[in-house]
Amino acid sequence: MAISVSVAMQRTDSRHAPHRLTPALPAALLPCCRQTAAKPDDAEAWRVLGEARLLSTDAQESVAAYEKALALRPNDQTIISGLVDAYVANSQQAKAVSYLTGLRDQIIAKGAAAAAAG
């Protein structure tokens, strides 16, 4: 089940402030929080909360939400990608590199399996 959150926001130039958004975003966190409370085993809800927290420059809470999503849906490349962004925003580069290395290995393994099968 996909979750869509509509938020009136505008990004600034991402080269200067990659997560700076208009103040409208914090209001968008409420539906995300409600969704994770109502469905704590919904990985997509946790992923969306992680993304919303990252966009609101709450990197620490973003990491927690993405980690919960990944625990529910291990090896999900979209979740791993978001978690890596959250780790970088939270100055946890070593963890980001570790997950990127794992993601690279996953992609290589899938490619090798596809080549062997076909």
N, C-alpha and C. Protein backbone atom coordinates (compact mmCIF):
# COMPACT_ATOMS: atom_id res chain seq x y z
N MET A 1 0.85 -1.18 0.00
CA MET A 1 0.00 0.00 0.00
C MET A 1 0.88 1.23 0.00
N ALA A 2 0.73 2.09 -0.95
CA ALA A 2 1.51 3.31 -1.02
C ALA A 2 0.81 4.43 -0.26
N ILE A 3 1.59 5.26 0.32
CA ILE A 3 1.05 6.39 1.07
C ILE A 3 1.48 7.65 0.34
N SER A 4 0.57 8.54 0.16
CA SER A 4 0.89 9.80 -0.50
C SER A 4 0.63 10.93 0.47
N VAL A 5 1.58 11.81 0.58
CA VAL A 5 1.43 12.97 1.45
C VAL A 5 1.57 14.20 0.58
N SER A 6 0.52 15.00 0.52
CA SER A 6 0.57 16.24 -0.24
C SER A 6 0.99 17.36 0.69
N VAL A 7 2.01 18.05 0.28
CA VAL A 7 2.54 19.13 1.11
C VAL A 7 2.84 20.31 0.21
N ALA A 8 2.40 21.47 0.63
CA ALA A 8 2.73 22.68 -0.10
C ALA A 8 4.12 23.13 0.34
N MET A 9 5.12 22.85 -0.50
CA MET A 9 6.47 23.23 -0.15
C MET A 9 7.28 23.46 -1.41
N GLN A 10 8.34 24.20 -1.24
CA GLN A 10 9.23 24.45 -2.34
C GLN A 10 10.65 24.23 -1.85
N ARG A 11 11.43 23.55 -2.67
CA ARG A 11 12.83 23.35 -2.34
C ARG A 11 13.60 24.61 -2.72
N THR A 12 14.62 24.87 -1.95
CA THR A 12 15.53 25.91 -2.36
C THR A 12 16.59 25.26 -3.22
N ASP A 13 17.52 26.00 -3.71
CA ASP A 13 18.59 25.45 -4.52
C ASP A 13 19.30 24.37 -3.73
N SER A 14 19.24 23.13 -4.21
CA SER A 14 19.75 21.99 -3.45
C SER A 14 21.26 22.01 -3.27
N ARG A 15 21.97 22.78 -4.07
CA ARG A 15 23.42 22.84 -3.88
C ARG A 15 23.78 23.61 -2.62
N HIS A 16 22.88 24.48 -2.16
CA HIS A 16 23.17 25.32 -1.00
C HIS A 16 22.48 24.84 0.27
N ALA A 17 21.30 24.31 0.15
CA ALA A 17 20.54 23.85 1.32
C ALA A 17 19.66 22.68 0.90
N PRO A 18 20.22 21.47 0.84
CA PRO A 18 19.49 20.35 0.27
C PRO A 18 18.19 19.98 0.96
N HIS A 19 18.00 20.34 2.22
CA HIS A 19 16.79 19.94 2.92
C HIS A 19 15.98 21.13 3.41
N ARG A 20 16.32 22.31 2.96
CA ARG A 20 15.62 23.50 3.42
C ARG A 20 14.30 23.63 2.66
N LEU A 21 13.21 23.67 3.41
CA LEU A 21 11.88 23.76 2.81
C LEU A 21 11.07 24.82 3.53
N THR A 22 9.93 25.14 2.97
CA THR A 22 9.06 26.11 3.61
C THR A 22 8.49 25.51 4.89
N PRO A 23 8.00 26.32 5.81
CA PRO A 23 7.49 25.82 7.08
C PRO A 23 6.25 24.94 6.98
N ALA A 24 5.68 24.75 5.79
CA ALA A 24 4.47 23.94 5.66
C ALA A 24 4.72 22.47 5.98
N LEU A 25 5.95 22.00 5.90
CA LEU A 25 6.20 20.58 6.07
C LEU A 25 5.87 20.03 7.44
N PRO A 26 6.21 20.66 8.55
CA PRO A 26 5.90 20.03 9.83
C PRO A 26 4.44 19.59 9.98
N ALA A 27 3.51 20.30 9.39
CA ALA A 27 2.11 19.89 9.44
C ALA A 27 1.92 18.55 8.72
N ALA A 28 2.76 18.26 7.73
CA ALA A 28 2.65 17.01 7.00
C ALA A 28 3.13 15.83 7.82
N LEU A 29 3.88 16.09 8.86
CA LEU A 29 4.36 14.99 9.69
C LEU A 29 3.23 14.33 10.47
N LEU A 30 2.21 15.08 10.79
CA LEU A 30 1.11 14.54 11.59
C LEU A 30 0.44 13.33 10.93
N PRO A 31 0.06 13.40 9.64
CA PRO A 31 -0.53 12.21 9.03
C PRO A 31 0.45 11.04 8.98
N CYS A 32 1.71 11.33 8.78
CA CYS A 32 2.72 10.26 8.75
C CYS A 32 2.81 9.58 10.11
N CYS A 33 2.83 10.39 11.16
CA CYS A 33 2.89 9.84 12.52
C CYS A 33 1.64 9.03 12.85
N ARG A 34 0.49 9.54 12.42
CA ARG A 34 -0.76 8.80 12.64
C ARG A 34 -0.74 7.45 11.92
N GLN A 35 -0.21 7.46 10.71
CA GLN A 35 -0.17 6.22 9.91
C GLN A 35 0.73 5.19 10.57
N THR A 36 1.88 5.60 11.08
CA THR A 36 2.78 4.64 11.72
C THR A 36 2.20 4.15 13.05
N ALA A 37 1.44 5.00 13.73
CA ALA A 37 0.80 4.58 14.97
C ALA A 37 -0.32 3.58 14.69
N ALA A 38 -1.08 3.84 13.63
CA ALA A 38 -2.19 2.96 13.28
C ALA A 38 -1.71 1.63 12.69
N LYS A 39 -0.60 1.68 11.96
CA LYS A 39 -0.08 0.49 11.30
C LYS A 39 1.42 0.39 11.55
N PRO A 40 1.81 0.00 12.75
CA PRO A 40 3.24 -0.02 13.08
C PRO A 40 4.06 -1.03 12.28
N ASP A 41 3.42 -1.95 11.59
CA ASP A 41 4.14 -2.93 10.77
C ASP A 41 4.13 -2.58 9.29
N ASP A 42 3.77 -1.34 8.98
CA ASP A 42 3.70 -0.87 7.59
C ASP A 42 5.02 -0.19 7.22
N ALA A 43 5.88 -0.92 6.51
CA ALA A 43 7.19 -0.39 6.14
C ALA A 43 7.08 0.89 5.30
N GLU A 44 6.10 0.94 4.43
CA GLU A 44 5.94 2.12 3.58
C GLU A 44 5.58 3.34 4.41
N ALA A 45 4.77 3.18 5.43
CA ALA A 45 4.43 4.31 6.31
C ALA A 45 5.69 4.83 7.01
N TRP A 46 6.53 3.93 7.48
CA TRP A 46 7.78 4.33 8.14
C TRP A 46 8.73 5.00 7.14
N ARG A 47 8.76 4.49 5.89
CA ARG A 47 9.62 5.10 4.88
C ARG A 47 9.18 6.53 4.59
N VAL A 48 7.88 6.72 4.45
CA VAL A 48 7.35 8.06 4.17
C VAL A 48 7.62 8.99 5.35
N LEU A 49 7.48 8.49 6.57
CA LEU A 49 7.80 9.31 7.74
C LEU A 49 9.28 9.68 7.74
N GLY A 50 10.14 8.73 7.40
CA GLY A 50 11.57 9.02 7.32
C GLY A 50 11.87 10.10 6.31
N GLU A 51 11.22 10.00 5.15
CA GLU A 51 11.42 11.01 4.11
C GLU A 51 10.92 12.38 4.57
N ALA A 52 9.73 12.41 5.17
CA ALA A 52 9.18 13.68 5.66
C ALA A 52 10.07 14.29 6.74
N ARG A 53 10.57 13.46 7.64
CA ARG A 53 11.47 13.97 8.69
C ARG A 53 12.76 14.50 8.09
N LEU A 54 13.29 13.82 7.09
CA LEU A 54 14.51 14.29 6.45
C LEU A 54 14.28 15.63 5.77
N LEU A 55 13.15 15.76 5.10
CA LEU A 55 12.83 17.02 4.43
C LEU A 55 12.60 18.16 5.42
N SER A 56 12.21 17.81 6.65
CA SER A 56 12.01 18.86 7.66
C SER A 56 13.28 19.11 8.45
N THR A 57 14.39 18.55 7.97
CA THR A 57 15.72 18.68 8.58
C THR A 57 15.81 18.06 9.96
N ASP A 58 15.01 17.05 10.22
CA ASP A 58 15.08 16.30 11.47
C ASP A 58 15.77 14.98 11.16
N ALA A 59 17.09 15.06 10.91
CA ALA A 59 17.84 13.89 10.44
C ALA A 59 17.86 12.75 11.44
N GLN A 60 17.95 13.06 12.72
CA GLN A 60 18.02 12.01 13.73
C GLN A 60 16.74 11.17 13.73
N GLU A 61 15.59 11.84 13.72
CA GLU A 61 14.32 11.12 13.69
C GLU A 61 14.10 10.43 12.34
N SER A 62 14.65 11.02 11.28
CA SER A 62 14.57 10.40 9.97
C SER A 62 15.29 9.06 9.96
N VAL A 63 16.48 9.03 10.55
CA VAL A 63 17.24 7.78 10.63
C VAL A 63 16.41 6.72 11.36
N ALA A 64 15.82 7.09 12.48
CA ALA A 64 15.02 6.14 13.27
C ALA A 64 13.87 5.57 12.45
N ALA A 65 13.19 6.42 11.70
CA ALA A 65 12.05 5.97 10.90
C ALA A 65 12.51 5.06 9.76
N TYR A 66 13.59 5.45 9.08
CA TYR A 66 14.10 4.61 8.00
C TYR A 66 14.61 3.27 8.53
N GLU A 67 15.26 3.27 9.69
CA GLU A 67 15.73 2.01 10.28
C GLU A 67 14.56 1.08 10.60
N LYS A 68 13.46 1.65 11.09
CA LYS A 68 12.27 0.86 11.37
C LYS A 68 11.71 0.28 10.07
N ALA A 69 11.66 1.10 9.03
CA ALA A 69 11.17 0.63 7.73
C ALA A 69 12.04 -0.50 7.19
N LEU A 70 13.34 -0.36 7.33
CA LEU A 70 14.25 -1.38 6.83
C LEU A 70 14.14 -2.68 7.63
N ALA A 71 13.89 -2.56 8.91
CA ALA A 71 13.69 -3.76 9.73
C ALA A 71 12.45 -4.52 9.27
N LEU A 72 11.45 -3.79 8.80
CA LEU A 72 10.21 -4.42 8.33
C LEU A 72 10.35 -4.95 6.90
N ARG A 73 11.18 -4.30 6.11
CA ARG A 73 11.35 -4.71 4.72
C ARG A 73 12.84 -4.69 4.37
N PRO A 74 13.57 -5.70 4.85
CA PRO A 74 15.02 -5.74 4.63
C PRO A 74 15.37 -5.78 3.14
N ASN A 75 16.49 -5.18 2.81
CA ASN A 75 17.03 -5.18 1.45
C ASN A 75 16.22 -4.36 0.45
N ASP A 76 15.28 -3.55 0.93
CA ASP A 76 14.51 -2.68 0.03
C ASP A 76 15.40 -1.52 -0.41
N GLN A 77 15.67 -1.44 -1.69
CA GLN A 77 16.62 -0.44 -2.19
C GLN A 77 16.14 0.98 -1.99
N THR A 78 14.85 1.22 -2.08
CA THR A 78 14.32 2.57 -1.87
C THR A 78 14.51 3.00 -0.42
N ILE A 79 14.25 2.09 0.50
CA ILE A 79 14.43 2.39 1.92
C ILE A 79 15.91 2.60 2.23
N ILE A 80 16.76 1.74 1.69
CA ILE A 80 18.20 1.88 1.93
C ILE A 80 18.70 3.22 1.40
N SER A 81 18.24 3.60 0.23
CA SER A 81 18.65 4.88 -0.35
C SER A 81 18.25 6.05 0.55
N GLY A 82 17.03 6.02 1.06
CA GLY A 82 16.58 7.08 1.98
C GLY A 82 17.37 7.06 3.28
N LEU A 83 17.65 5.87 3.78
CA LEU A 83 18.43 5.75 5.02
C LEU A 83 19.83 6.31 4.82
N VAL A 84 20.43 6.05 3.67
CA VAL A 84 21.75 6.60 3.38
C VAL A 84 21.70 8.13 3.40
N ASP A 85 20.68 8.70 2.77
CA ASP A 85 20.53 10.17 2.79
C ASP A 85 20.40 10.68 4.22
N ALA A 86 19.63 9.96 5.03
CA ALA A 86 19.44 10.38 6.43
C ALA A 86 20.75 10.27 7.21
N TYR A 87 21.51 9.20 6.98
CA TYR A 87 22.79 9.07 7.66
C TYR A 87 23.73 10.21 7.29
N VAL A 88 23.78 10.56 6.02
CA VAL A 88 24.65 11.66 5.58
C VAL A 88 24.20 12.97 6.22
N ALA A 89 22.90 13.21 6.23
CA ALA A 89 22.38 14.44 6.85
C ALA A 89 22.66 14.47 8.35
N ASN A 90 22.82 13.30 8.95
CA ASN A 90 23.06 13.18 10.38
C ASN A 90 24.56 13.01 10.68
N SER A 91 25.40 13.28 9.68
CA SER A 91 26.86 13.19 9.80
C SER A 91 27.33 11.80 10.21
N GLN A 92 26.67 10.78 9.68
CA GLN A 92 27.06 9.40 9.94
C GLN A 92 27.53 8.77 8.62
N GLN A 93 28.60 9.34 8.07
CA GLN A 93 29.07 8.92 6.76
C GLN A 93 29.51 7.46 6.73
N ALA A 94 30.13 6.96 7.79
CA ALA A 94 30.58 5.57 7.80
C ALA A 94 29.41 4.61 7.64
N LYS A 95 28.30 4.89 8.31
CA LYS A 95 27.12 4.04 8.16
C LYS A 95 26.55 4.15 6.74
N ALA A 96 26.56 5.38 6.20
CA ALA A 96 26.07 5.58 4.84
C ALA A 96 26.89 4.75 3.85
N VAL A 97 28.21 4.80 3.98
CA VAL A 97 29.08 4.05 3.08
C VAL A 97 28.84 2.55 3.22
N SER A 98 28.64 2.08 4.44
CA SER A 98 28.38 0.67 4.68
C SER A 98 27.12 0.22 3.95
N TYR A 99 26.05 1.01 4.07
CA TYR A 99 24.80 0.64 3.39
C TYR A 99 24.93 0.75 1.87
N LEU A 100 25.67 1.75 1.40
CA LEU A 100 25.87 1.87 -0.05
C LEU A 100 26.66 0.69 -0.60
N THR A 101 27.64 0.23 0.16
CA THR A 101 28.41 -0.93 -0.25
C THR A 101 27.51 -2.17 -0.33
N GLY A 102 26.67 -2.33 0.67
CA GLY A 102 25.72 -3.44 0.66
C GLY A 102 24.74 -3.35 -0.50
N LEU A 103 24.28 -2.14 -0.79
CA LEU A 103 23.35 -1.93 -1.91
C LEU A 103 24.04 -2.26 -3.23
N ARG A 104 25.28 -1.81 -3.38
CA ARG A 104 26.04 -2.12 -4.59
C ARG A 104 26.17 -3.64 -4.76
N ASP A 105 26.49 -4.32 -3.68
CA ASP A 105 26.64 -5.78 -3.73
C ASP A 105 25.33 -6.46 -4.11
N GLN A 106 24.22 -5.93 -3.61
CA GLN A 106 22.89 -6.46 -3.96
C GLN A 106 22.64 -6.33 -5.46
N ILE A 107 22.96 -5.17 -6.00
CA ILE A 107 22.71 -4.91 -7.42
C ILE A 107 23.60 -5.81 -8.27
N ILE A 108 24.85 -5.98 -7.88
CA ILE A 108 25.76 -6.85 -8.62
C ILE A 108 25.26 -8.30 -8.59
N ALA A 109 24.81 -8.75 -7.43
CA ALA A 109 24.32 -10.11 -7.30
C ALA A 109 23.08 -10.34 -8.16
N LYS A 110 22.18 -9.36 -8.19
CA LYS A 110 20.98 -9.49 -9.03
C LYS A 110 21.36 -9.55 -10.50
N GLY A 111 22.32 -8.72 -10.89
CA GLY A 111 22.78 -8.73 -12.28
C GLY A 111 23.41 -10.06 -12.66
N ALA A 112 24.22 -10.61 -11.75
CA ALA A 112 24.85 -11.90 -12.01
C ALA A 112 23.81 -13.01 -12.10
N ALA A 113 22.81 -12.96 -11.24
CA ALA A 113 21.75 -13.98 -11.26
C ALA A 113 20.95 -13.88 -12.56
N ALA A 114 20.67 -12.67 -13.00
CA ALA A 114 19.92 -12.47 -14.23
C ALA A 114 20.72 -12.96 -15.44
N ALA A 115 22.03 -12.68 -15.43
CA ALA A 115 22.88 -13.11 -16.54
C ALA A 115 22.97 -14.64 -16.59
N ALA A 116 23.04 -15.27 -15.42
CA ALA A 116 23.13 -16.72 -15.37
C ALA A 116 21.82 -17.38 -15.82
N ALA A 117 20.70 -16.71 -15.54
CA ALA A 117 19.40 -17.27 -15.89
C ALA A 117 19.04 -17.07 -17.37
N GLY A 118 19.66 -16.09 -17.96
CA GLY A 118 19.15 -15.82 -19.26
C GLY A 118 20.00 -15.58 -20.37
